Structure formats: structure tokens, C-alpha cells
Amino acid sequence: FHYCNRNCKKIRINGKTSTERTLTYAVAGDECPEMKANLHRLPVLKIDNVKVEGLTALEFTTTIMPEGLLGVLGMDILSNFDVEIHPQTQELKLLPPTPIPSTNIDDAIPLKTKLGVMLAEVEINGKGPFIFMLDTGAESIFISQKLASQLNISVAERQEIRVQGFCGIEMAEYASLAKVKMGNYQLTNLETVILSSPVLKLLEVDGILGQNFLNNYQQYWRFNQKNPENFPADGSLLLIP
């Protein structure tokens, strides 16, 4: 799904009320169960010279979006392309699908999909591998309370914080991770947020890998053949420092 705020009305599309269960599984915020949304069928969507049709979007009337954003693009459009992201220049390219070049096969990080999101194996502080959801829209790394215990993150190493997400604000804890490794790529001393999120339980993952890891690299995402739910069954990710 794509997500939009009240600006869905600006393009004059009508929708039907979605069930509250649809809104239960956001990464952060305590107000998801109380939120309501409208499900819209979108007109033809155009991104530069790319046109896509037959998409749906959820309109949240009260959700908190970052300033200046009117909506969020989902995997139902992005997975039709190879996706190249250049964080330093803030550039996104949607390219025709291609196979992994033979020279890059050893460095390609294998991805699996679950409920329309991409998952990968990640090692933390030399332990693991653990299963993480990859989220280019998440500002930080998020880990579950269970994983924080497995990593022996003590109470003294944690600091209480308030996290603002799609569904409002919730209390969480801040900590630091000495080493985070995915595939052949490793970074040190990255911040993480420890929280209890329904999406972690739903996906049966240990955490979410966000921008404070991914934005250190140029990214080339590839997605393979789609399953009956119209999401890719798997894919790969190349990172370039």
C-alpha cells in the first residue's frame, strides 16, 4: 500500500473506510488501534517518465507525517523496478529490472519478503545472525526488547526517550550498538531504539534496519518474480560505500 494524508482529497478520489486492524502494525506510536483510514483506488501515478496504474492507497486523517511530505510510496510500485538510491545527493532512480552482475554476486545481500517488506540477516556486536526488516524510511535502527536482552544491553546503557511514528508518540529506550554487520558491510557505534512494536511480532523479526546504517551507502535494490499477493518473493541489495 501507499499512504497519504488528507491530500488524497486534493486529487478528488473517493474511498471506503478501512478496518482498524489495518492500522495496528506501524513501527511506532501508541494510537494505531484508535486510528481510522480510507482505502482509495488511485488514478494513474506518474513519477518523472514512469507511469503506474491499478494502485491503492490508505488515507490517514490523523497520522503524523514528516514536514513537507504528502504521502509514502510502497513496495507495490517500487518492486516493479531496480531501485537505485543515492543518499548523499538525495536521488532515487527507477530502472528496468536486471540480473546481478557476475562481479557483484559475492557482495549481493540476499533478501526475503514477508507481508510485502524485505528482510535480511544482520549481525549485532558479533552475535547472530538475526532477522531484520529493511526500512529506508526509518530514521534509526529499532530492536525488540528480546534482542536487547540477548545482546546484554544493561539498564545503565539505556536512556528513556519518546519516539514519534505514524501513530503518534510512544515511550522507548535509546542505546548504542558497537558493531552492526549486514553481508560484507559493517559499521560501528550506531544508535538504536529499543521498543515493543506489534510489527516486530507480526513479522517475527528481531529489529528494523534504518537510515543510520543504509544511508552510509549507495544502494541498488533488485526484486525477483512476484508472488500471488503481488509482492516479490525475494531480491537482493548491493551497497556501495
Protein backbone atom coordinates (compact mmCIF):
# COMPACT_ATOMS: atom_id res chain seq x y z
CA PHE A 1 0.00 0.00 0.00
CA HIS A 2 0.86 3.63 -0.36
CA TYR A 3 -0.03 6.08 2.39
CA CYS A 4 -1.33 9.63 2.14
CA ASN A 5 -2.76 12.25 4.46
CA ARG A 6 -5.77 14.44 3.76
CA ASN A 7 -4.18 15.48 0.48
CA CYS A 8 -5.85 12.40 -1.06
CA LYS A 9 -8.89 14.67 -1.29
CA LYS A 10 -6.95 17.18 -3.39
CA ILE A 11 -6.83 14.72 -6.28
CA ARG A 12 -10.58 14.05 -5.91
CA ILE A 13 -10.59 10.34 -5.21
CA ASN A 14 -13.20 8.66 -3.06
CA GLY A 15 -12.52 5.80 -0.72
CA LYS A 16 -14.06 3.37 1.72
CA THR A 17 -13.30 3.11 5.43
CA SER A 18 -10.61 0.58 6.22
CA THR A 19 -10.71 -1.74 9.22
CA GLU A 20 -8.81 -0.67 12.32
CA ARG A 21 -6.75 -3.86 12.14
CA THR A 22 -5.07 -2.48 9.03
CA LEU A 23 -3.58 0.27 11.19
CA THR A 24 -2.37 -1.89 14.07
CA TYR A 25 1.05 -2.65 12.68
CA ALA A 26 3.03 0.59 12.43
CA VAL A 27 6.56 0.73 13.79
CA ALA A 28 6.00 3.44 16.39
CA GLY A 29 3.11 5.17 18.13
CA ASP A 30 0.53 4.19 20.73
CA GLU A 31 -2.58 5.36 18.86
CA CYS A 32 -2.80 2.90 15.94
CA PRO A 33 -5.78 0.93 17.34
CA GLU A 34 -7.82 4.16 17.56
CA MET A 35 -6.94 5.43 14.09
CA LYS A 36 -9.22 5.13 11.08
CA ALA A 37 -8.37 5.23 7.40
CA ASN A 38 -9.96 5.29 3.96
CA LEU A 39 -8.89 2.88 1.23
CA HIS A 40 -8.60 4.56 -2.18
CA ARG A 41 -8.13 3.29 -5.70
CA LEU A 42 -5.56 5.66 -7.23
CA PRO A 43 -5.63 7.13 -10.73
CA VAL A 44 -2.57 6.69 -12.93
CA LEU A 45 0.50 7.59 -10.88
CA LYS A 46 3.40 9.32 -12.64
CA ILE A 47 6.97 9.63 -11.35
CA ASP A 48 9.02 11.57 -13.92
CA ASN A 49 8.63 9.43 -17.06
CA VAL A 50 7.31 6.34 -15.21
CA LYS A 51 3.56 5.67 -15.14
CA VAL A 52 1.89 3.04 -12.93
CA GLU A 53 -1.82 2.19 -12.69
CA GLY A 54 -4.06 -0.06 -10.60
CA LEU A 55 -2.66 1.03 -7.22
CA THR A 56 -4.42 1.53 -3.91
CA ALA A 57 -3.62 3.89 -1.04
CA LEU A 58 -4.58 4.26 2.60
CA GLU A 59 -5.59 7.78 3.64
CA PHE A 60 -4.88 8.53 7.31
CA THR A 61 -6.78 11.53 8.62
CA THR A 62 -4.73 11.98 11.80
CA THR A 63 -1.39 10.32 11.13
CA ILE A 64 1.83 12.26 11.68
CA MET A 65 3.93 12.61 8.54
CA PRO A 66 7.30 14.36 8.29
CA GLU A 67 7.00 18.01 7.35
CA GLY A 68 6.72 18.56 3.61
CA LEU A 69 5.59 15.01 2.78
CA LEU A 70 2.15 14.28 1.36
CA GLY A 71 2.49 10.50 1.17
CA VAL A 72 4.68 7.40 1.18
CA LEU A 73 5.37 5.11 -1.79
CA GLY A 74 5.09 1.39 -1.14
CA MET A 75 6.59 -1.84 -2.45
CA ASP A 76 3.68 -2.39 -4.85
CA ILE A 77 5.22 0.24 -7.13
CA LEU A 78 8.92 0.09 -6.24
CA SER A 79 9.22 -3.68 -6.72
CA ASN A 80 8.44 -3.30 -10.43
CA PHE A 81 11.88 -1.77 -10.94
CA ASP A 82 15.50 -1.95 -9.97
CA VAL A 83 15.76 0.82 -7.37
CA GLU A 84 18.95 2.86 -7.09
CA ILE A 85 19.28 5.21 -4.10
CA HIS A 86 21.98 7.86 -3.66
CA PRO A 87 21.60 9.22 -0.10
CA GLN A 88 24.29 11.90 -0.47
CA THR A 89 22.60 13.51 -3.48
CA GLN A 90 19.07 12.53 -2.33
CA GLU A 91 18.45 10.88 -5.69
CA LEU A 92 16.17 7.94 -6.49
CA LYS A 93 16.28 6.09 -9.82
CA LEU A 94 13.67 3.59 -11.03
CA LEU A 95 15.38 1.41 -13.63
CA PRO A 96 14.40 -1.60 -15.78
CA PRO A 97 14.98 -4.91 -13.93
CA THR A 98 18.39 -6.51 -14.49
CA PRO A 99 20.23 -9.60 -13.17
CA ILE A 100 23.03 -9.19 -10.64
CA PRO A 101 26.33 -8.61 -12.49
CA SER A 102 28.65 -11.59 -12.08
CA THR A 103 31.30 -9.36 -10.49
CA ASN A 104 28.86 -8.37 -7.71
CA ILE A 105 27.31 -11.74 -6.84
CA ASP A 106 29.55 -12.32 -3.80
CA ASP A 107 28.68 -8.89 -2.37
CA ALA A 108 24.93 -9.03 -3.02
CA ILE A 109 22.89 -9.31 0.18
CA PRO A 110 20.03 -11.83 -0.25
CA LEU A 111 16.58 -10.53 0.67
CA LYS A 112 13.41 -12.39 1.58
CA THR A 113 9.93 -10.94 1.66
CA LYS A 114 7.18 -11.21 4.24
CA LEU A 115 3.88 -9.34 4.09
CA GLY A 116 5.30 -7.01 1.47
CA VAL A 117 8.51 -5.95 3.25
CA MET A 118 12.09 -7.04 2.68
CA LEU A 119 14.04 -9.00 5.31
CA ALA A 120 17.76 -9.74 5.66
CA GLU A 121 20.20 -11.32 8.10
CA VAL A 122 22.09 -8.90 10.35
CA GLU A 123 24.81 -9.48 12.94
CA ILE A 124 24.93 -7.25 16.02
CA ASN A 125 28.00 -6.97 18.26
CA GLY A 126 29.37 -10.19 16.78
CA LYS A 127 26.19 -12.15 17.56
CA GLY A 128 23.57 -13.53 15.23
CA PRO A 129 22.58 -13.61 12.52
CA PHE A 130 19.26 -12.00 13.40
CA ILE A 131 16.38 -11.29 11.02
CA PHE A 132 15.79 -7.60 10.34
CA MET A 133 13.26 -5.74 8.25
CA LEU A 134 14.97 -3.21 5.95
CA ASP A 135 13.25 0.18 6.01
CA THR A 136 14.61 3.14 4.03
CA GLY A 137 12.03 5.33 5.77
CA ALA A 138 13.11 4.53 9.33
CA GLU A 139 15.45 7.12 10.80
CA SER A 140 17.24 4.71 13.11
CA ILE A 141 17.79 1.05 13.91
CA PHE A 142 14.98 -0.44 16.00
CA ILE A 143 15.38 -3.63 18.03
CA SER A 144 13.00 -5.66 20.15
CA GLN A 145 13.19 -5.93 23.92
CA LYS A 146 14.04 -9.61 23.44
CA LEU A 147 17.03 -8.83 21.23
CA ALA A 148 18.22 -6.13 23.63
CA SER A 149 18.29 -8.79 26.36
CA GLN A 150 20.15 -11.24 24.10
CA LEU A 151 22.75 -8.54 23.44
CA ASN A 152 23.10 -7.95 27.19
CA ILE A 153 22.32 -4.24 26.93
CA SER A 154 22.20 -3.27 30.60
CA VAL A 155 19.83 -0.80 32.24
CA ALA A 156 22.76 1.58 32.71
CA GLU A 157 23.34 1.61 28.93
CA ARG A 158 19.74 2.60 28.17
CA GLN A 159 18.17 6.03 28.16
CA GLU A 160 14.43 6.67 28.06
CA ILE A 161 13.21 8.58 25.00
CA ARG A 162 9.96 9.43 23.25
CA VAL A 163 9.59 8.14 19.70
CA GLN A 164 7.26 9.76 17.18
CA GLY A 165 5.88 7.49 14.48
CA PHE A 166 2.94 7.19 12.10
CA CYS A 167 0.63 6.51 15.02
CA GLY A 168 1.76 9.23 17.42
CA ILE A 169 4.25 9.09 20.27
CA GLU A 170 5.34 6.20 22.48
CA MET A 171 7.98 5.69 25.14
CA ALA A 172 11.08 3.69 24.21
CA GLU A 173 14.75 3.36 25.12
CA TYR A 174 17.89 4.60 23.40
CA ALA A 175 21.15 2.64 23.34
CA SER A 176 24.30 2.22 21.25
CA LEU A 177 25.43 -0.81 19.23
CA ALA A 178 29.18 -1.41 18.96
CA LYS A 179 29.02 -3.27 15.63
CA VAL A 180 26.29 -3.76 13.02
CA LYS A 181 27.07 -6.04 10.06
CA MET A 182 24.96 -7.00 7.04
CA GLY A 183 26.60 -9.13 4.40
CA ASN A 184 30.15 -7.87 3.90
CA TYR A 185 29.34 -4.41 5.24
CA GLN A 186 29.97 -3.34 8.83
CA LEU A 187 29.56 -0.07 10.74
CA THR A 188 30.41 0.74 14.35
CA ASN A 189 28.84 2.74 17.16
CA LEU A 190 25.32 3.13 15.78
CA GLU A 191 22.37 4.31 17.83
CA THR A 192 19.38 2.04 18.27
CA VAL A 193 15.88 2.38 19.68
CA ILE A 194 14.56 -0.43 21.87
CA LEU A 195 10.78 -0.72 21.79
CA SER A 196 7.83 -3.09 21.87
CA SER A 197 6.23 -2.85 18.44
CA PRO A 198 3.41 -5.03 17.06
CA VAL A 199 5.10 -5.02 13.64
CA LEU A 200 8.14 -6.87 15.03
CA LYS A 201 5.90 -9.60 16.43
CA LEU A 202 3.77 -9.79 13.28
CA LEU A 203 6.80 -10.18 11.00
CA GLU A 204 8.64 -12.38 13.52
CA VAL A 205 11.75 -10.23 13.16
CA ASP A 206 14.32 -9.07 15.69
CA GLY A 207 14.52 -5.49 14.52
CA ILE A 208 14.43 -2.89 11.77
CA LEU A 209 17.49 -1.61 9.92
CA GLY A 210 17.03 2.05 9.09
CA GLN A 211 18.74 5.08 7.65
CA ASN A 212 21.60 5.37 10.14
CA PHE A 213 23.01 2.20 8.53
CA LEU A 214 21.66 2.31 4.97
CA ASN A 215 22.41 5.97 4.29
CA ASN A 216 26.15 5.33 4.56
CA TYR A 217 25.95 3.57 1.19
CA GLN A 218 24.64 3.95 -2.30
CA GLN A 219 22.02 1.22 -2.64
CA TYR A 220 20.96 -0.93 -5.59
CA TRP A 221 17.81 -2.96 -4.87
CA ARG A 222 16.66 -5.80 -7.12
CA PHE A 223 13.35 -7.65 -6.77
CA ASN A 224 12.54 -11.04 -8.25
CA GLN A 225 9.34 -12.65 -9.53
CA LYS A 226 6.19 -11.64 -7.66
CA ASN A 227 4.05 -13.98 -5.56
CA PRO A 228 0.21 -14.20 -5.70
CA GLU A 229 -0.03 -11.24 -3.30
CA ASN A 230 1.77 -9.11 -5.93
CA PHE A 231 4.93 -8.70 -3.86
CA PRO A 232 8.38 -10.04 -4.80
CA ALA A 233 9.25 -13.41 -3.28
CA ASP A 234 12.85 -12.34 -2.75
CA GLY A 235 15.52 -9.99 -4.03
CA SER A 236 19.00 -8.63 -3.42
CA LEU A 237 20.74 -5.48 -2.23
CA LEU A 238 24.13 -4.12 -3.26
CA LEU A 239 25.77 -1.48 -1.07
CA ILE A 240 28.49 0.85 -2.34
CA PRO A 241 30.42 2.89 0.27
